[in-house]
Each structure stands twice: as C-alpha cells, then as structure tokens.
C-alpha atoms as a PDB file:
ATOM      1  CA  MET A   1     297.412  12.619  76.362  1.00  0.00           C
ATOM      2  CA  THR A   2     300.376  10.544  77.498  1.00  0.00           C
ATOM      3  CA  ASN A   3     298.460   9.091  80.442  1.00  0.00           C
ATOM      4  CA  TRP A   4     296.299   7.050  78.117  1.00  0.00           C
ATOM      5  CA  THR A   5     299.329   5.003  77.049  1.00  0.00           C
ATOM      6  CA  ASP A   6     300.323   4.424  80.664  1.00  0.00           C
ATOM      7  CA  ALA A   7     296.839   3.075  81.333  1.00  0.00           C
ATOM      8  CA  ILE A   8     297.151   0.368  78.665  1.00  0.00           C
ATOM      9  CA  VAL A   9     300.574  -1.091  79.464  1.00  0.00           C
ATOM     10  CA  GLY A  10     299.067  -4.483  80.313  1.00  0.00           C
ATOM     11  CA  GLU A  11     297.068  -4.554  77.099  1.00  0.00           C
ATOM     12  CA  ARG A  12     300.154  -3.631  75.096  1.00  0.00           C
ATOM     13  CA  MET A  13     302.040  -6.527  76.665  1.00  0.00           C
ATOM     14  CA  ALA A  14     299.246  -8.924  75.695  1.00  0.00           C
ATOM     15  CA  VAL A  15     299.167  -7.581  72.131  1.00  0.00           C
ATOM     16  CA  ASP A  16     302.967  -7.851  71.957  1.00  0.00           C
ATOM     17  CA  GLN A  17     302.677 -11.572  72.735  1.00  0.00           C
ATOM     18  CA  GLU A  18     299.914 -12.059  70.175  1.00  0.00           C
ATOM     19  CA  PHE A  19     301.830 -10.050  67.560  1.00  0.00           C
ATOM     20  CA  ASN A  20     305.082 -12.039  67.855  1.00  0.00           C
ATOM     21  CA  ASP A  21     304.004 -14.383  65.047  1.00  0.00           C
ATOM     22  CA  ARG A  22     303.485 -11.417  62.724  1.00  0.00           C
ATOM     23  CA  ILE A  23     306.974 -10.128  63.540  1.00  0.00           C
ATOM     24  CA  ALA A  24     308.517 -13.558  62.985  1.00  0.00           C
ATOM     25  CA  ALA A  25     306.831 -13.740  59.570  1.00  0.00           C
ATOM     26  CA  SER A  26     307.944 -10.233  58.629  1.00  0.00           C
ATOM     27  CA  GLU A  27     311.240  -9.081  57.185  1.00  0.00           C
ATOM     28  CA  PHE A  28     312.218  -7.604  60.561  1.00  0.00           C
ATOM     29  CA  SER A  29     314.072  -9.314  63.378  1.00  0.00           C
ATOM     30  CA  SER A  30     312.814  -8.869  66.919  1.00  0.00           C
ATOM     31  CA  GLN A  31     315.721  -6.475  67.540  1.00  0.00           C
ATOM     32  CA  GLU A  32     314.722  -4.396  64.516  1.00  0.00           C
ATOM     33  CA  TRP A  33     311.061  -4.430  65.603  1.00  0.00           C
ATOM     34  CA  GLY A  34     312.084  -3.158  69.039  1.00  0.00           C
ATOM     35  CA  LEU A  35     313.895  -0.251  67.413  1.00  0.00           C
ATOM     36  CA  ILE A  36     310.928   0.471  65.155  1.00  0.00           C
ATOM     37  CA  MET A  37     308.599   0.594  68.147  1.00  0.00           C
ATOM     38  CA  THR A  38     310.826   3.149  69.890  1.00  0.00           C
ATOM     39  CA  ALA A  39     310.256   5.503  66.959  1.00  0.00           C
ATOM     40  CA  ILE A  40     306.468   5.099  66.939  1.00  0.00           C
ATOM     41  CA  GLU A  41     303.898   7.061  68.859  1.00  0.00           C
ATOM     42  CA  PHE A  42     300.279   6.022  68.911  1.00  0.00           C
ATOM     43  CA  GLU A  43     297.470   8.511  68.594  1.00  0.00           C
ATOM     44  CA  ILE A  44     293.708   8.218  68.493  1.00  0.00           C
ATOM     45  CA  GLU A  45     291.972   9.877  65.572  1.00  0.00           C
ATOM     46  CA  ALA A  46     288.495  11.232  66.319  1.00  0.00           C
ATOM     47  CA  PRO A  47     288.481   9.980  69.940  1.00  0.00           C
ATOM     48  CA  ALA A  48     285.066  11.533  70.694  1.00  0.00           C
ATOM     49  CA  ASP A  49     283.377   9.739  67.791  1.00  0.00           C
ATOM     50  CA  THR A  50     282.385   6.202  68.764  1.00  0.00           C
ATOM     51  CA  GLU A  51     282.172   5.033  65.151  1.00  0.00           C
ATOM     52  CA  GLN A  52     285.191   6.836  63.672  1.00  0.00           C
ATOM     53  CA  ALA A  53     287.725   6.641  66.505  1.00  0.00           C
ATOM     54  CA  ARG A  54     290.792   4.604  65.710  1.00  0.00           C
ATOM     55  CA  ILE A  55     294.340   4.126  66.900  1.00  0.00           C
ATOM     56  CA  VAL A  56     296.921   5.225  64.353  1.00  0.00           C
ATOM     57  CA  ALA A  57     300.668   4.812  64.364  1.00  0.00           C
ATOM     58  CA  ASP A  58     302.534   8.098  63.967  1.00  0.00           C
ATOM     59  CA  THR A  59     305.436   6.985  61.786  1.00  0.00           C
ATOM     60  CA  THR A  60     307.020  10.385  61.138  1.00  0.00           C
ATOM     61  CA  LYS A  61     310.167   9.426  63.070  1.00  0.00           C
ATOM     62  CA  LEU A  62     310.743   6.138  61.217  1.00  0.00           C
ATOM     63  CA  PRO A  63     312.959   7.618  58.466  1.00  0.00           C
ATOM     64  CA  GLN A  64     315.388   8.761  61.174  1.00  0.00           C
ATOM     65  CA  ILE A  65     316.006   5.199  62.378  1.00  0.00           C
ATOM     66  CA  MET A  66     316.206   3.487  58.984  1.00  0.00           C
ATOM     67  CA  PRO A  67     320.026   3.748  58.807  1.00  0.00           C
ATOM     68  CA  GLU A  68     320.259   2.023  62.179  1.00  0.00           C
ATOM     69  CA  LEU A  69     317.865  -0.707  61.001  1.00  0.00           C
ATOM     70  CA  GLU A  70     320.202  -1.305  58.079  1.00  0.00           C
ATOM     71  CA  ASN A  71     323.152  -1.473  60.499  1.00  0.00           C
ATOM     72  CA  ILE A  72     321.361  -4.118  62.544  1.00  0.00           C
ATOM     73  CA  GLN A  73     320.558  -6.092  59.404  1.00  0.00           C
ATOM     74  CA  SER A  74     324.192  -5.866  58.248  1.00  0.00           C
ATOM     75  CA  GLN A  75     325.491  -6.997  61.635  1.00  0.00           C
ATOM     76  CA  MET A  76     323.101  -9.927  61.743  1.00  0.00           C
ATOM     77  CA  GLY A  77     324.122 -10.963  58.231  1.00  0.00           C
ATOM     78  CA  ALA A  78     327.813 -10.635  59.054  1.00  0.00           C
ATOM     79  CA  MET A  79     327.346 -12.848  62.099  1.00  0.00           C
ATOM     80  CA  GLY A  80     325.406 -15.436  60.119  1.00  0.00           C
ATOM     81  CA  GLN A  81     322.157 -14.607  61.898  1.00  0.00           C
ATOM     82  CA  ASP A  82     320.151 -13.617  58.865  1.00  0.00           C
ATOM     83  CA  SER A  83     317.587 -16.316  59.717  1.00  0.00           C
ATOM     84  CA  GLY A  84     316.255 -16.383  56.175  1.00  0.00           C
ATOM     85  CA  ARG A  85     315.123 -12.765  56.073  1.00  0.00           C
ATOM     86  CA  SER A  86     315.763 -11.219  52.714  1.00  0.00           C
ATOM     87  CA  SER A  87     317.136  -7.769  52.327  1.00  0.00           C
ATOM     88  CA  SER A  88     315.269  -5.673  49.826  1.00  0.00           C
ATOM     89  CA  SER A  89     318.419  -3.690  49.190  1.00  0.00           C
ATOM     90  CA  GLY A  90     320.718  -6.692  48.634  1.00  0.00           C
ATOM     91  CA  GLY A  91     324.445  -6.386  48.117  1.00  0.00           C
ATOM     92  CA  GLY A  92     325.721  -7.142  51.597  1.00  0.00           C
ATOM     93  CA  LEU A  93     327.896  -5.032  53.854  1.00  0.00           C
ATOM     94  CA  VAL A  94     329.386  -2.735  51.214  1.00  0.00           C
ATOM     95  CA  GLU A  95     325.957  -1.832  49.847  1.00  0.00           C
ATOM     96  CA  SER A  96     324.630  -1.300  53.379  1.00  0.00           C
ATOM     97  CA  LEU A  97     327.509   1.046  54.169  1.00  0.00           C
ATOM     98  CA  LYS A  98     326.956   2.909  50.912  1.00  0.00           C
ATOM     99  CA  GLY A  99     323.300   3.251  51.835  1.00  0.00           C
ATOM    100  CA  VAL A 100     324.148   4.630  55.270  1.00  0.00           C
ATOM    101  CA  ILE A 101     326.321   7.371  53.791  1.00  0.00           C
ATOM    102  CA  GLY A 102     323.815   8.086  51.032  1.00  0.00           C
ATOM    103  CA  LEU A 103     325.594   6.522  48.059  1.00  0.00           C
ATOM    104  CA  GLY A 104     323.536   3.381  47.618  1.00  0.00           C
ATOM    105  CA  ASP A 105     320.259   2.608  45.925  1.00  0.00           C
ATOM    106  CA  SER A 106     317.585   3.900  48.269  1.00  0.00           C
ATOM    107  CA  SER A 107     314.704   1.830  46.877  1.00  0.00           C
ATOM    108  CA  GLY A 108     315.379  -1.031  49.306  1.00  0.00           C
ATOM    109  CA  GLY A 109     315.293   1.385  52.223  1.00  0.00           C
ATOM    110  CA  ASN A 110     312.012   2.796  50.994  1.00  0.00           C
ATOM    111  CA  ASP A 111     310.586  -0.720  50.786  1.00  0.00           C
ATOM    112  CA  ARG A 112     311.631  -1.405  54.366  1.00  0.00           C
ATOM    113  CA  LEU A 113     310.229   1.942  55.505  1.00  0.00           C
ATOM    114  CA  GLU A 114     306.902   1.115  53.891  1.00  0.00           C
ATOM    115  CA  ALA A 115     306.939  -2.365  55.432  1.00  0.00           C
ATOM    116  CA  ALA A 116     307.637  -0.857  58.863  1.00  0.00           C
ATOM    117  CA  GLU A 117     304.803   1.632  58.440  1.00  0.00           C
ATOM    118  CA  GLN A 118     302.376  -1.103  57.442  1.00  0.00           C
ATOM    119  CA  LEU A 119     303.422  -3.394  60.278  1.00  0.00           C
ATOM    120  CA  THR A 120     303.128  -0.671  62.924  1.00  0.00           C
ATOM    121  CA  GLN A 121     299.641   0.212  61.699  1.00  0.00           C
ATOM    122  CA  ALA A 122     298.706  -3.476  61.825  1.00  0.00           C
ATOM    123  CA  TYR A 123     299.926  -3.458  65.424  1.00  0.00           C
ATOM    124  CA  ALA A 124     297.791  -0.373  66.160  1.00  0.00           C
ATOM    125  CA  ASP A 125     294.762  -2.107  64.639  1.00  0.00           C
ATOM    126  CA  GLU A 126     295.424  -5.204  66.745  1.00  0.00           C
ATOM    127  CA  LEU A 127     295.770  -3.059  69.872  1.00  0.00           C
ATOM    128  CA  GLN A 128     292.464  -1.339  69.193  1.00  0.00           C
ATOM    129  CA  SER A 129     290.759  -4.663  68.550  1.00  0.00           C
ATOM    130  CA  HIS A 130     292.151  -6.006  71.824  1.00  0.00           C
ATOM    131  CA  LEU A 131     290.886  -2.960  73.726  1.00  0.00           C
ATOM    132  CA  GLU A 132     287.452  -3.268  72.125  1.00  0.00           C
ATOM    133  CA  SER A 133     287.165  -6.967  72.923  1.00  0.00           C
ATOM    134  CA  ASN A 134     288.108  -6.308  76.555  1.00  0.00           C
ATOM    135  CA  GLY A 135     285.600  -3.470  76.916  1.00  0.00           C
ATOM    136  CA  LYS A 136     288.302  -0.846  77.502  1.00  0.00           C
ATOM    137  CA  TRP A 137     288.139   1.087  74.245  1.00  0.00           C
ATOM    138  CA  LYS A 138     285.709   3.754  75.481  1.00  0.00           C
ATOM    139  CA  GLN A 139     287.748   4.296  78.649  1.00  0.00           C
ATOM    140  CA  VAL A 140     290.918   4.701  76.579  1.00  0.00           C
ATOM    141  CA  ARG A 141     289.276   7.176  74.185  1.00  0.00           C
ATOM    142  CA  VAL A 142     288.074   9.267  77.148  1.00  0.00           C
ATOM    143  CA  ALA A 143     291.529   9.186  78.751  1.00  0.00           C
ATOM    144  CA  TYR A 144     293.095  10.276  75.459  1.00  0.00           C
ATOM    145  CA  GLN A 145     290.945  13.398  75.374  1.00  0.00           C
ATOM    146  CA  GLU A 146     291.867  14.483  78.907  1.00  0.00           C
END
C-alpha cells in the first residue's frame, strides 16, 4: 500500500503549491503545517468502488504532535513572528508551558487539533480532486489495493 504514495509524489507537489493559500489563511504557520503533515498518513476508503472511493487523512497521530505545535507557536510569538495568527489558547509563553506539562486549559489545544484535522482532510479532498482531473485516480486506487 505504500507504493501508491510513491507514485503520486509529483501530484502531491502540485497540490502543495495550490494549497499554500489555504495554509496562509489558516491558523497554522508553514512550519506548523509541515509538522502536521509528518503526522498524517493518507488512506483510500473503498478503493475498489468507483463511486465511493475517497482519500482520507488518518489523523490518529496528531494528538502526539500537538505539544510540539504549541512550542512552535510559542517560539514564533516570542520572536515576534506571530504574523497575525491568533492562538486559541491565549495567555502567551507561561500558558503554553502550562499546557505542555498538562496544567493549562486544554480547550485551545482541542480547537487546534480539530482545525488540523479539518485542514488535512481538505488537503486529502484537494489531492483526490487533482488526481481525478488528471485522469490518475483509477490508477492510484488500483495501486492502493496491490
């Protein structure tokens, strides 16, 4: 199943370029998005079914990287590189550190987790759309099943 992702590297690069505007408009920096993408694996649900097949983002590993996302956000804020992104958790460095060690309000982290999940699924949808428009979707579904 991993060969299917190797076969679409070029398409992923094209989608990455197209998706940059969505990242810029999101609450995540490009550095944070890069970290999010390292925690994501893409799967194809119902690959044999032409009508039902779809790429989904497996986000089960995202909670593991959320503390590091908060560290990146704290570092960017401390260096004056917040670039207008708002933190759902608020409170600055002390609150971020409390969150990392489990003492802070976790609702902001949950909001960011949900935002990351939604954005990665939007990326998966865009990738599938790109593959369909280039006539490669069937080939990818077949490769996924092998």
